[in-house]
Amino acid sequence: MIIVNTETISGKNLQTLGLVSGNTVQSKNAFKDIGAGFKSMVGGELVSYTKMLAEAREVAISRMIRNAEAMGADAIVNVRFSSASIMDGAAEILACGTAVKFV
C-alpha cells in the first residue's frame, strides 16, 4: 500500500474510491503520568508520551490501511493526521486520507 500526503502519485492515474480513516485513543499509566509531571517541571522531552503517540500513530495508520484494503485500494493519498486530548494523559490520534485505485 502506497501512502502519501500529496494529492497525486507521480506517473499514476488514480480513481478515487473514497475517504478512509483510522483512529485510536491511548493513555499512559498513573506511574508514567507522575514521572511526566515531574519532568514537565524542569523541562525537556516527555519520552513516554512521545513513544505513546508514535505507537498510536502506527495503530491509526494500520486501521486506515485496513479500511482502504477493504475498498480495494492500491494507495492512500492526501493523508493527514490530527490529535486531540481526551483527558489528562490520554490522546486520540486520527489518520485520514483518500483511498485510490490505479487505472
PDB file of N, CA and C in Angstrom:
ATOM      1  N   MET A   1       0.857  -1.177   0.000  1.00  0.00           N
ATOM      2  CA  MET A   1       0.000   0.000   0.000  1.00  0.00           C
ATOM      3  C   MET A   1       0.896   1.231   0.000  1.00  0.00           C
ATOM      4  N   ILE A   2       0.682   2.097  -0.974  1.00  0.00           N
ATOM      5  CA  ILE A   2       1.414   3.365  -1.032  1.00  0.00           C
ATOM      6  C   ILE A   2       0.614   4.391  -0.239  1.00  0.00           C
ATOM      7  N   ILE A   3       1.303   5.106   0.631  1.00  0.00           N
ATOM      8  CA  ILE A   3       0.664   6.135   1.446  1.00  0.00           C
ATOM      9  C   ILE A   3       1.454   7.425   1.268  1.00  0.00           C
ATOM     10  N   VAL A   4       0.762   8.478   0.798  1.00  0.00           N
ATOM     11  CA  VAL A   4       1.427   9.764   0.572  1.00  0.00           C
ATOM     12  C   VAL A   4       0.562  10.902   1.108  1.00  0.00           C
ATOM     13  N   ASN A   5       1.220  12.015   1.376  1.00  0.00           N
ATOM     14  CA  ASN A   5       0.462  13.192   1.822  1.00  0.00           C
ATOM     15  C   ASN A   5       0.246  14.188   0.688  1.00  0.00           C
ATOM     16  N   THR A   6       0.470  13.739  -0.537  1.00  0.00           N
ATOM     17  CA  THR A   6       0.216  14.557  -1.720  1.00  0.00           C
ATOM     18  C   THR A   6      -1.102  14.117  -2.351  1.00  0.00           C
ATOM     19  N   GLU A   7      -1.626  14.944  -3.248  1.00  0.00           N
ATOM     20  CA  GLU A   7      -2.901  14.616  -3.890  1.00  0.00           C
ATOM     21  C   GLU A   7      -2.748  13.641  -5.047  1.00  0.00           C
ATOM     22  N   THR A   8      -1.527  13.481  -5.547  1.00  0.00           N
ATOM     23  CA  THR A   8      -1.276  12.594  -6.680  1.00  0.00           C
ATOM     24  C   THR A   8      -0.071  11.720  -6.383  1.00  0.00           C
ATOM     25  N   ILE A   9       0.109  10.713  -7.222  1.00  0.00           N
ATOM     26  CA  ILE A   9       1.310   9.872  -7.189  1.00  0.00           C
ATOM     27  C   ILE A   9       1.918   9.967  -8.570  1.00  0.00           C
ATOM     28  N   SER A  10       3.146  10.417  -8.629  1.00  0.00           N
ATOM     29  CA  SER A  10       3.814  10.640  -9.906  1.00  0.00           C
ATOM     30  C   SER A  10       3.752   9.396 -10.791  1.00  0.00           C
ATOM     31  N   GLY A  11       3.320   9.610 -12.031  1.00  0.00           N
ATOM     32  CA  GLY A  11       3.275   8.531 -13.007  1.00  0.00           C
ATOM     33  C   GLY A  11       2.065   7.613 -12.895  1.00  0.00           C
ATOM     34  N   LYS A  12       1.135   7.902 -12.006  1.00  0.00           N
ATOM     35  CA  LYS A  12      -0.033   7.040 -11.817  1.00  0.00           C
ATOM     36  C   LYS A  12      -1.314   7.814 -12.107  1.00  0.00           C
ATOM     37  N   ASN A  13      -2.232   7.157 -12.802  1.00  0.00           N
ATOM     38  CA  ASN A  13      -3.582   7.683 -12.965  1.00  0.00           C
ATOM     39  C   ASN A  13      -4.422   7.080 -11.849  1.00  0.00           C
ATOM     40  N   LEU A  14      -5.169   7.919 -11.156  1.00  0.00           N
ATOM     41  CA  LEU A  14      -5.869   7.465  -9.964  1.00  0.00           C
ATOM     42  C   LEU A  14      -7.375   7.557 -10.122  1.00  0.00           C
ATOM     43  N   GLN A  15      -8.056   6.550  -9.603  1.00  0.00           N
ATOM     44  CA  GLN A  15      -9.514   6.561  -9.482  1.00  0.00           C
ATOM     45  C   GLN A  15      -9.824   6.675  -7.992  1.00  0.00           C
ATOM     46  N   THR A  16     -10.579   7.687  -7.622  1.00  0.00           N
ATOM     47  CA  THR A  16     -10.922   7.906  -6.217  1.00  0.00           C
ATOM     48  C   THR A  16     -11.965   6.897  -5.766  1.00  0.00           C
ATOM     49  N   LEU A  17     -11.684   6.251  -4.630  1.00  0.00           N
ATOM     50  CA  LEU A  17     -12.634   5.304  -4.060  1.00  0.00           C
ATOM     51  C   LEU A  17     -13.405   5.897  -2.894  1.00  0.00           C
ATOM     52  N   GLY A  18     -12.762   6.785  -2.140  1.00  0.00           N
ATOM     53  CA  GLY A  18     -13.458   7.416  -1.015  1.00  0.00           C
ATOM     54  C   GLY A  18     -12.546   7.675   0.166  1.00  0.00           C
ATOM     55  N   LEU A  19     -13.118   8.301   1.163  1.00  0.00           N
ATOM     56  CA  LEU A  19     -12.407   8.655   2.384  1.00  0.00           C
ATOM     57  C   LEU A  19     -12.168   7.410   3.236  1.00  0.00           C
ATOM     58  N   VAL A  20     -10.964   7.319   3.783  1.00  0.00           N
ATOM     59  CA  VAL A  20     -10.644   6.264   4.745  1.00  0.00           C
ATOM     60  C   VAL A  20     -10.014   6.905   5.972  1.00  0.00           C
ATOM     61  N   SER A  21     -10.236   6.272   7.107  1.00  0.00           N
ATOM     62  CA  SER A  21      -9.652   6.797   8.336  1.00  0.00           C
ATOM     63  C   SER A  21      -9.380   5.661   9.302  1.00  0.00           C
ATOM     64  N   GLY A  22      -8.573   5.970  10.278  1.00  0.00           N
ATOM     65  CA  GLY A  22      -8.289   5.059  11.375  1.00  0.00           C
ATOM     66  C   GLY A  22      -7.960   5.898  12.578  1.00  0.00           C
ATOM     67  N   ASN A  23      -8.373   5.460  13.747  1.00  0.00           N
ATOM     68  CA  ASN A  23      -8.058   6.230  14.941  1.00  0.00           C
ATOM     69  C   ASN A  23      -7.829   5.315  16.129  1.00  0.00           C
ATOM     70  N   THR A  24      -7.283   5.891  17.178  1.00  0.00           N
ATOM     71  CA  THR A  24      -7.101   5.193  18.439  1.00  0.00           C
ATOM     72  C   THR A  24      -7.007   6.229  19.547  1.00  0.00           C
ATOM     73  N   VAL A  25      -7.389   5.825  20.730  1.00  0.00           N
ATOM     74  CA  VAL A  25      -7.203   6.650  21.922  1.00  0.00           C
ATOM     75  C   VAL A  25      -6.255   5.882  22.827  1.00  0.00           C
ATOM     76  N   GLN A  26      -5.180   6.534  23.212  1.00  0.00           N
ATOM     77  CA  GLN A  26      -4.142   5.890  24.023  1.00  0.00           C
ATOM     78  C   GLN A  26      -3.948   6.666  25.320  1.00  0.00           C
ATOM     79  N   SER A  27      -3.537   5.959  26.354  1.00  0.00           N
ATOM     80  CA  SER A  27      -3.201   6.620  27.616  1.00  0.00           C
ATOM     81  C   SER A  27      -2.011   5.910  28.241  1.00  0.00           C
ATOM     82  N   LYS A  28      -1.357   6.595  29.141  1.00  0.00           N
ATOM     83  CA  LYS A  28      -0.257   6.022  29.911  1.00  0.00           C
ATOM     84  C   LYS A  28      -0.757   5.725  31.308  1.00  0.00           C
ATOM     85  N   ASN A  29      -0.054   4.829  31.997  1.00  0.00           N
ATOM     86  CA  ASN A  29      -0.495   4.505  33.345  1.00  0.00           C
ATOM     87  C   ASN A  29      -0.124   5.608  34.337  1.00  0.00           C
ATOM     88  N   ALA A  30      -0.682   5.534  35.514  1.00  0.00           N
ATOM     89  CA  ALA A  30      -0.525   6.591  36.519  1.00  0.00           C
ATOM     90  C   ALA A  30       0.938   6.831  36.885  1.00  0.00           C
ATOM     91  N   PHE A  31       1.745   5.785  36.955  1.00  0.00           N
ATOM     92  CA  PHE A  31       3.153   5.962  37.332  1.00  0.00           C
ATOM     93  C   PHE A  31       3.918   6.769  36.287  1.00  0.00           C
ATOM     94  N   LYS A  32       3.634   6.497  35.024  1.00  0.00           N
ATOM     95  CA  LYS A  32       4.299   7.273  33.968  1.00  0.00           C
ATOM     96  C   LYS A  32       3.779   8.703  33.947  1.00  0.00           C
ATOM     97  N   ASP A  33       2.492   8.903  34.279  1.00  0.00           N
ATOM     98  CA  ASP A  33       1.941  10.257  34.376  1.00  0.00           C
ATOM     99  C   ASP A  33       2.647  11.054  35.460  1.00  0.00           C
ATOM    100  N   ILE A  34       2.906  10.417  36.587  1.00  0.00           N
ATOM    101  CA  ILE A  34       3.603  11.099  37.686  1.00  0.00           C
ATOM    102  C   ILE A  34       5.010  11.483  37.249  1.00  0.00           C
ATOM    103  N   GLY A  35       5.705  10.537  36.594  1.00  0.00           N
ATOM    104  CA  GLY A  35       7.057  10.821  36.104  1.00  0.00           C
ATOM    105  C   GLY A  35       7.062  11.949  35.081  1.00  0.00           C
ATOM    106  N   ALA A  36       6.078  11.953  34.206  1.00  0.00           N
ATOM    107  CA  ALA A  36       5.984  13.011  33.197  1.00  0.00           C
ATOM    108  C   ALA A  36       5.677  14.344  33.857  1.00  0.00           C
ATOM    109  N   GLY A  37       4.884  14.319  34.919  1.00  0.00           N
ATOM    110  CA  GLY A  37       4.580  15.548  35.654  1.00  0.00           C
ATOM    111  C   GLY A  37       5.826  16.160  36.250  1.00  0.00           C
ATOM    112  N   PHE A  38       6.675  15.323  36.840  1.00  0.00           N
ATOM    113  CA  PHE A  38       7.940  15.824  37.392  1.00  0.00           C
ATOM    114  C   PHE A  38       8.830  16.376  36.282  1.00  0.00           C
ATOM    115  N   LYS A  39       8.896  15.665  35.162  1.00  0.00           N
ATOM    116  CA  LYS A  39       9.738  16.096  34.043  1.00  0.00           C
ATOM    117  C   LYS A  39       9.257  17.435  33.497  1.00  0.00           C
ATOM    118  N   SER A  40       7.950  17.649  33.477  1.00  0.00           N
ATOM    119  CA  SER A  40       7.434  18.897  32.929  1.00  0.00           C
ATOM    120  C   SER A  40       7.803  20.099  33.793  1.00  0.00           C
ATOM    121  N   MET A  41       8.129  19.858  35.049  1.00  0.00           N
ATOM    122  CA  MET A  41       8.539  20.959  35.926  1.00  0.00           C
ATOM    123  C   MET A  41       9.927  21.486  35.568  1.00  0.00           C
ATOM    124  N   VAL A  42      10.799  20.597  35.070  1.00  0.00           N
ATOM    125  CA  VAL A  42      12.165  21.006  34.753  1.00  0.00           C
ATOM    126  C   VAL A  42      12.381  21.201  33.250  1.00  0.00           C
ATOM    127  N   GLY A  43      11.434  20.736  32.454  1.00  0.00           N
ATOM    128  CA  GLY A  43      11.544  20.890  31.005  1.00  0.00           C
ATOM    129  C   GLY A  43      12.190  19.700  30.348  1.00  0.00           C
ATOM    130  N   GLY A  44      12.029  19.607  29.064  1.00  0.00           N
ATOM    131  CA  GLY A  44      12.607  18.518  28.289  1.00  0.00           C
ATOM    132  C   GLY A  44      11.529  17.636  27.686  1.00  0.00           C
ATOM    133  N   GLU A  45      11.982  16.693  26.895  1.00  0.00           N
ATOM    134  CA  GLU A  45      11.061  15.794  26.210  1.00  0.00           C
ATOM    135  C   GLU A  45      10.423  14.818  27.186  1.00  0.00           C
ATOM    136  N   LEU A  46       9.136  14.598  27.019  1.00  0.00           N
ATOM    137  CA  LEU A  46       8.404  13.600  27.793  1.00  0.00           C
ATOM    138  C   LEU A  46       8.417  12.312  26.972  1.00  0.00           C
ATOM    139  N   VAL A  47       9.491  11.535  27.154  1.00  0.00           N
ATOM    140  CA  VAL A  47       9.769  10.388  26.292  1.00  0.00           C
ATOM    141  C   VAL A  47       8.625   9.380  26.294  1.00  0.00           C
ATOM    142  N   SER A  48       8.034   9.122  27.453  1.00  0.00           N
ATOM    143  CA  SER A  48       6.950   8.132  27.489  1.00  0.00           C
ATOM    144  C   SER A  48       5.763   8.586  26.645  1.00  0.00           C
ATOM    145  N   TYR A  49       5.495   9.892  26.613  1.00  0.00           N
ATOM    146  CA  TYR A  49       4.400  10.395  25.787  1.00  0.00           C
ATOM    147  C   TYR A  49       4.775  10.408  24.312  1.00  0.00           C
ATOM    148  N   THR A  50       6.028  10.688  24.003  1.00  0.00           N
ATOM    149  CA  THR A  50       6.488  10.621  22.614  1.00  0.00           C
ATOM    150  C   THR A  50       6.295   9.212  22.076  1.00  0.00           C
ATOM    151  N   LYS A  51       6.695   8.214  22.861  1.00  0.00           N
ATOM    152  CA  LYS A  51       6.524   6.815  22.451  1.00  0.00           C
ATOM    153  C   LYS A  51       5.048   6.458  22.321  1.00  0.00           C
ATOM    154  N   MET A  52       4.234   6.933  23.272  1.00  0.00           N
ATOM    155  CA  MET A  52       2.805   6.644  23.230  1.00  0.00           C
ATOM    156  C   MET A  52       2.187   7.175  21.941  1.00  0.00           C
ATOM    157  N   LEU A  53       2.524   8.406  21.566  1.00  0.00           N
ATOM    158  CA  LEU A  53       1.954   9.000  20.357  1.00  0.00           C
ATOM    159  C   LEU A  53       2.463   8.319  19.093  1.00  0.00           C
ATOM    160  N   ALA A  54       3.737   7.905  19.088  1.00  0.00           N
ATOM    161  CA  ALA A  54       4.274   7.181  17.931  1.00  0.00           C
ATOM    162  C   ALA A  54       3.544   5.850  17.758  1.00  0.00           C
ATOM    163  N   GLU A  55       3.319   5.141  18.868  1.00  0.00           N
ATOM    164  CA  GLU A  55       2.591   3.871  18.807  1.00  0.00           C
ATOM    165  C   GLU A  55       1.154   4.102  18.352  1.00  0.00           C
ATOM    166  N   ALA A  56       0.527   5.142  18.861  1.00  0.00           N
ATOM    167  CA  ALA A  56      -0.847   5.458  18.487  1.00  0.00           C
ATOM    168  C   ALA A  56      -0.945   5.791  17.001  1.00  0.00           C
ATOM    169  N   ARG A  57       0.033   6.530  16.490  1.00  0.00           N
ATOM    170  CA  ARG A  57       0.049   6.881  15.069  1.00  0.00           C
ATOM    171  C   ARG A  57       0.131   5.611  14.217  1.00  0.00           C
ATOM    172  N   GLU A  58       0.959   4.659  14.609  1.00  0.00           N
ATOM    173  CA  GLU A  58       1.085   3.405  13.862  1.00  0.00           C
ATOM    174  C   GLU A  58      -0.217   2.610  13.873  1.00  0.00           C
ATOM    175  N   VAL A  59      -0.899   2.587  15.013  1.00  0.00           N
ATOM    176  CA  VAL A  59      -2.190   1.893  15.105  1.00  0.00           C
ATOM    177  C   VAL A  59      -3.205   2.570  14.182  1.00  0.00           C
ATOM    178  N   ALA A  60      -3.264   3.899  14.231  1.00  0.00           N
ATOM    179  CA  ALA A  60      -4.213   4.640  13.388  1.00  0.00           C
ATOM    180  C   ALA A  60      -3.926   4.398  11.906  1.00  0.00           C
ATOM    181  N   ILE A  61      -2.657   4.408  11.524  1.00  0.00           N
ATOM    182  CA  ILE A  61      -2.276   4.156  10.125  1.00  0.00           C
ATOM    183  C   ILE A  61      -2.697   2.752   9.710  1.00  0.00           C
ATOM    184  N   SER A  62      -2.431   1.756  10.546  1.00  0.00           N
ATOM    185  CA  SER A  62      -2.775   0.379  10.171  1.00  0.00           C
ATOM    186  C   SER A  62      -4.284   0.202  10.036  1.00  0.00           C
ATOM    187  N   ARG A  63      -5.061   0.887  10.868  1.00  0.00           N
ATOM    188  CA  ARG A  63      -6.523   0.812  10.748  1.00  0.00           C
ATOM    189  C   ARG A  63      -7.003   1.511   9.485  1.00  0.00           C
ATOM    190  N   MET A  64      -6.366   2.620   9.131  1.00  0.00           N
ATOM    191  CA  MET A  64      -6.709   3.323   7.895  1.00  0.00           C
ATOM    192  C   MET A  64      -6.395   2.428   6.694  1.00  0.00           C
ATOM    193  N   ILE A  65      -5.241   1.778   6.710  1.00  0.00           N
ATOM    194  CA  ILE A  65      -4.851   0.877   5.624  1.00  0.00           C
ATOM    195  C   ILE A  65      -5.849  -0.269   5.494  1.00  0.00           C
ATOM    196  N   ARG A  66      -6.242  -0.844   6.628  1.00  0.00           N
ATOM    197  CA  ARG A  66      -7.214  -1.943   6.607  1.00  0.00           C
ATOM    198  C   ARG A  66      -8.520  -1.501   5.938  1.00  0.00           C
ATOM    199  N   ASN A  67      -8.966  -0.294   6.247  1.00  0.00           N
ATOM    200  CA  ASN A  67     -10.183   0.234   5.623  1.00  0.00           C
ATOM    201  C   ASN A  67     -10.000   0.409   4.116  1.00  0.00           C
ATOM    202  N   ALA A  68      -8.828   0.908   3.716  1.00  0.00           N
ATOM    203  CA  ALA A  68      -8.550   1.107   2.288  1.00  0.00           C
ATOM    204  C   ALA A  68      -8.477  -0.231   1.552  1.00  0.00           C
ATOM    205  N   GLU A  69      -7.847  -1.222   2.163  1.00  0.00           N
ATOM    206  CA  GLU A  69      -7.757  -2.547   1.540  1.00  0.00           C
ATOM    207  C   GLU A  69      -9.149  -3.159   1.348  1.00  0.00           C
ATOM    208  N   ALA A  70     -10.035  -2.925   2.302  1.00  0.00           N
ATOM    209  CA  ALA A  70     -11.399  -3.444   2.195  1.00  0.00           C
ATOM    210  C   ALA A  70     -12.139  -2.823   1.010  1.00  0.00           C
ATOM    211  N   MET A  71     -11.717  -1.630   0.599  1.00  0.00           N
ATOM    212  CA  MET A  71     -12.322  -0.952  -0.543  1.00  0.00           C
ATOM    213  C   MET A  71     -11.642  -1.338  -1.865  1.00  0.00           C
ATOM    214  N   GLY A  72     -10.563  -2.113  -1.787  1.00  0.00           N
ATOM    215  CA  GLY A  72      -9.820  -2.499  -2.982  1.00  0.00           C
ATOM    216  C   GLY A  72      -8.805  -1.465  -3.424  1.00  0.00           C
ATOM    217  N   ALA A  73      -8.365  -0.621  -2.516  1.00  0.00           N
ATOM    218  CA  ALA A  73      -7.437   0.462  -2.862  1.00  0.00           C
ATOM    219  C   ALA A  73      -6.023  -0.045  -3.092  1.00  0.00           C
ATOM    220  N   ASP A  74      -5.311   0.679  -3.957  1.00  0.00           N
ATOM    221  CA  ASP A  74      -3.887   0.444  -4.187  1.00  0.00           C
ATOM    222  C   ASP A  74      -3.033   1.422  -3.387  1.00  0.00           C
ATOM    223  N   ALA A  75      -3.633   2.556  -3.017  1.00  0.00           N
ATOM    224  CA  ALA A  75      -2.877   3.599  -2.325  1.00  0.00           C
ATOM    225  C   ALA A  75      -3.841   4.493  -1.550  1.00  0.00           C
ATOM    226  N   ILE A  76      -3.246   5.303  -0.680  1.00  0.00           N
ATOM    227  CA  ILE A  76      -3.988   6.334   0.041  1.00  0.00           C
ATOM    228  C   ILE A  76      -3.241   7.638  -0.176  1.00  0.00           C
ATOM    229  N   VAL A  77      -3.948   8.631  -0.695  1.00  0.00           N
ATOM    230  CA  VAL A  77      -3.342   9.930  -0.966  1.00  0.00           C
ATOM    231  C   VAL A  77      -3.907  10.977  -0.013  1.00  0.00           C
ATOM    232  N   ASN A  78      -3.215  12.107   0.028  1.00  0.00           N
ATOM    233  CA  ASN A  78      -3.651  13.248   0.828  1.00  0.00           C
ATOM    234  C   ASN A  78      -3.850  12.875   2.296  1.00  0.00           C
ATOM    235  N   VAL A  79      -2.917  12.079   2.828  1.00  0.00           N
ATOM    236  CA  VAL A  79      -3.021  11.604   4.215  1.00  0.00           C
ATOM    237  C   VAL A  79      -2.737  12.748   5.178  1.00  0.00           C
ATOM    238  N   ARG A  80      -3.558  12.832   6.193  1.00  0.00           N
ATOM    239  CA  ARG A  80      -3.425  13.848   7.234  1.00  0.00           C
ATOM    240  C   ARG A  80      -3.590  13.191   8.599  1.00  0.00           C
ATOM    241  N   PHE A  81      -3.005  13.820   9.601  1.00  0.00           N
ATOM    242  CA  PHE A  81      -3.113  13.346  10.978  1.00  0.00           C
ATOM    243  C   PHE A  81      -3.667  14.463  11.840  1.00  0.00           C
ATOM    244  N   SER A  82      -4.408  14.082  12.837  1.00  0.00           N
ATOM    245  CA  SER A  82      -4.825  15.056  13.842  1.00  0.00           C
ATOM    246  C   SER A  82      -4.786  14.367  15.195  1.00  0.00           C
ATOM    247  N   SER A  83      -4.671  15.164  16.219  1.00  0.00           N
ATOM    248  CA  SER A  83      -4.670  14.613  17.575  1.00  0.00           C
ATOM    249  C   SER A  83      -5.518  15.510  18.461  1.00  0.00           C
ATOM    250  N   ALA A  84      -6.045  14.914  19.500  1.00  0.00           N
ATOM    251  CA  ALA A  84      -6.861  15.656  20.446  1.00  0.00           C
ATOM    252  C   ALA A  84      -6.666  15.066  21.823  1.00  0.00           C
ATOM    253  N   SER A  85      -6.607  15.917  22.806  1.00  0.00           N
ATOM    254  CA  SER A  85      -6.533  15.465  24.180  1.00  0.00           C
ATOM    255  C   SER A  85      -7.931  15.065  24.621  1.00  0.00           C
ATOM    256  N   ILE A  86      -8.082  13.856  25.080  1.00  0.00           N
ATOM    257  CA  ILE A  86      -9.377  13.351  25.518  1.00  0.00           C
ATOM    258  C   ILE A  86      -9.562  13.642  27.009  1.00  0.00           C
ATOM    259  N   MET A  87      -8.477  13.455  27.767  1.00  0.00           N
ATOM    260  CA  MET A  87      -8.433  13.741  29.194  1.00  0.00           C
ATOM    261  C   MET A  87      -6.964  13.767  29.586  1.00  0.00           C
ATOM    262  N   ASP A  88      -6.646  14.132  30.800  1.00  0.00           N
ATOM    263  CA  ASP A  88      -5.243  14.144  31.213  1.00  0.00           C
ATOM    264  C   ASP A  88      -4.615  12.783  30.967  1.00  0.00           C
ATOM    265  N   GLY A  89      -3.535  12.769  30.202  1.00  0.00           N
ATOM    266  CA  GLY A  89      -2.806  11.534  29.952  1.00  0.00           C
ATOM    267  C   GLY A  89      -3.372  10.662  28.851  1.00  0.00           C
ATOM    268  N   ALA A  90      -4.415  11.099  28.162  1.00  0.00           N
ATOM    269  CA  ALA A  90      -4.995  10.307  27.076  1.00  0.00           C
ATOM    270  C   ALA A  90      -5.171  11.186  25.848  1.00  0.00           C
ATOM    271  N   ALA A  91      -4.838  10.625  24.693  1.00  0.00           N
ATOM    272  CA  ALA A  91      -4.939  11.381  23.450  1.00  0.00           C
ATOM    273  C   ALA A  91      -5.490  10.500  22.344  1.00  0.00           C
ATOM    274  N   GLU A  92      -6.251  11.127  21.450  1.00  0.00           N
ATOM    275  CA  GLU A  92      -6.727  10.452  20.262  1.00  0.00           C
ATOM    276  C   GLU A  92      -5.838  10.870  19.099  1.00  0.00           C
ATOM    277  N   ILE A  93      -5.492   9.897  18.277  1.00  0.00           N
ATOM    278  CA  ILE A  93      -4.796  10.142  17.022  1.00  0.00           C
ATOM    279  C   ILE A  93      -5.705   9.660  15.899  1.00  0.00           C
ATOM    280  N   LEU A  94      -5.905  10.521  14.914  1.00  0.00           N
ATOM    281  CA  LEU A  94      -6.726  10.187  13.759  1.00  0.00           C
ATOM    282  C   LEU A  94      -5.866  10.304  12.508  1.00  0.00           C
ATOM    283  N   ALA A  95      -5.885   9.278  11.676  1.00  0.00           N
ATOM    284  CA  ALA A  95      -5.234   9.310  10.370  1.00  0.00           C
ATOM    285  C   ALA A  95      -6.344   9.213   9.330  1.00  0.00           C
ATOM    286  N   CYS A  96      -6.327  10.091   8.335  1.00  0.00           N
ATOM    287  CA  CYS A  96      -7.351  10.000   7.292  1.00  0.00           C
ATOM    288  C   CYS A  96      -6.743  10.381   5.945  1.00  0.00           C
ATOM    289  N   GLY A  97      -7.347   9.892   4.905  1.00  0.00           N
ATOM    290  CA  GLY A  97      -6.880  10.172   3.562  1.00  0.00           C
ATOM    291  C   GLY A  97      -7.905   9.692   2.545  1.00  0.00           C
ATOM    292  N   THR A  98      -7.520   9.714   1.286  1.00  0.00           N
ATOM    293  CA  THR A  98      -8.398   9.306   0.198  1.00  0.00           C
ATOM    294  C   THR A  98      -7.864   7.996  -0.394  1.00  0.00           C
ATOM    295  N   ALA A  99      -8.698   6.970  -0.362  1.00  0.00           N
ATOM    296  CA  ALA A  99      -8.333   5.690  -0.964  1.00  0.00           C
ATOM    297  C   ALA A  99      -8.461   5.810  -2.475  1.00  0.00           C
ATOM    298  N   VAL A 100      -7.460   5.293  -3.194  1.00  0.00           N
ATOM    299  CA  VAL A 100      -7.467   5.368  -4.656  1.00  0.00           C
ATOM    300  C   VAL A 100      -7.039   4.024  -5.240  1.00  0.00           C
ATOM    301  N   LYS A 101      -7.454   3.827  -6.491  1.00  0.00           N
ATOM    302  CA  LYS A 101      -7.062   2.641  -7.258  1.00  0.00           C
ATOM    303  C   LYS A 101      -6.312   3.127  -8.494  1.00  0.00           C
ATOM    304  N   PHE A 102      -5.292   2.375  -8.894  1.00  0.00           N
ATOM    305  CA  PHE A 102      -4.548   2.728 -10.106  1.00  0.00           C
ATOM    306  C   PHE A 102      -5.361   2.294 -11.328  1.00  0.00           C
ATOM    307  N   VAL A 103      -5.425   3.194 -12.306  1.00  0.00           N
ATOM    308  CA  VAL A 103      -6.132   2.872 -13.557  1.00  0.00           C
ATOM    309  C   VAL A 103      -5.190   2.993 -14.726  1.00  0.00           C
TER     310      VAL A 103
END
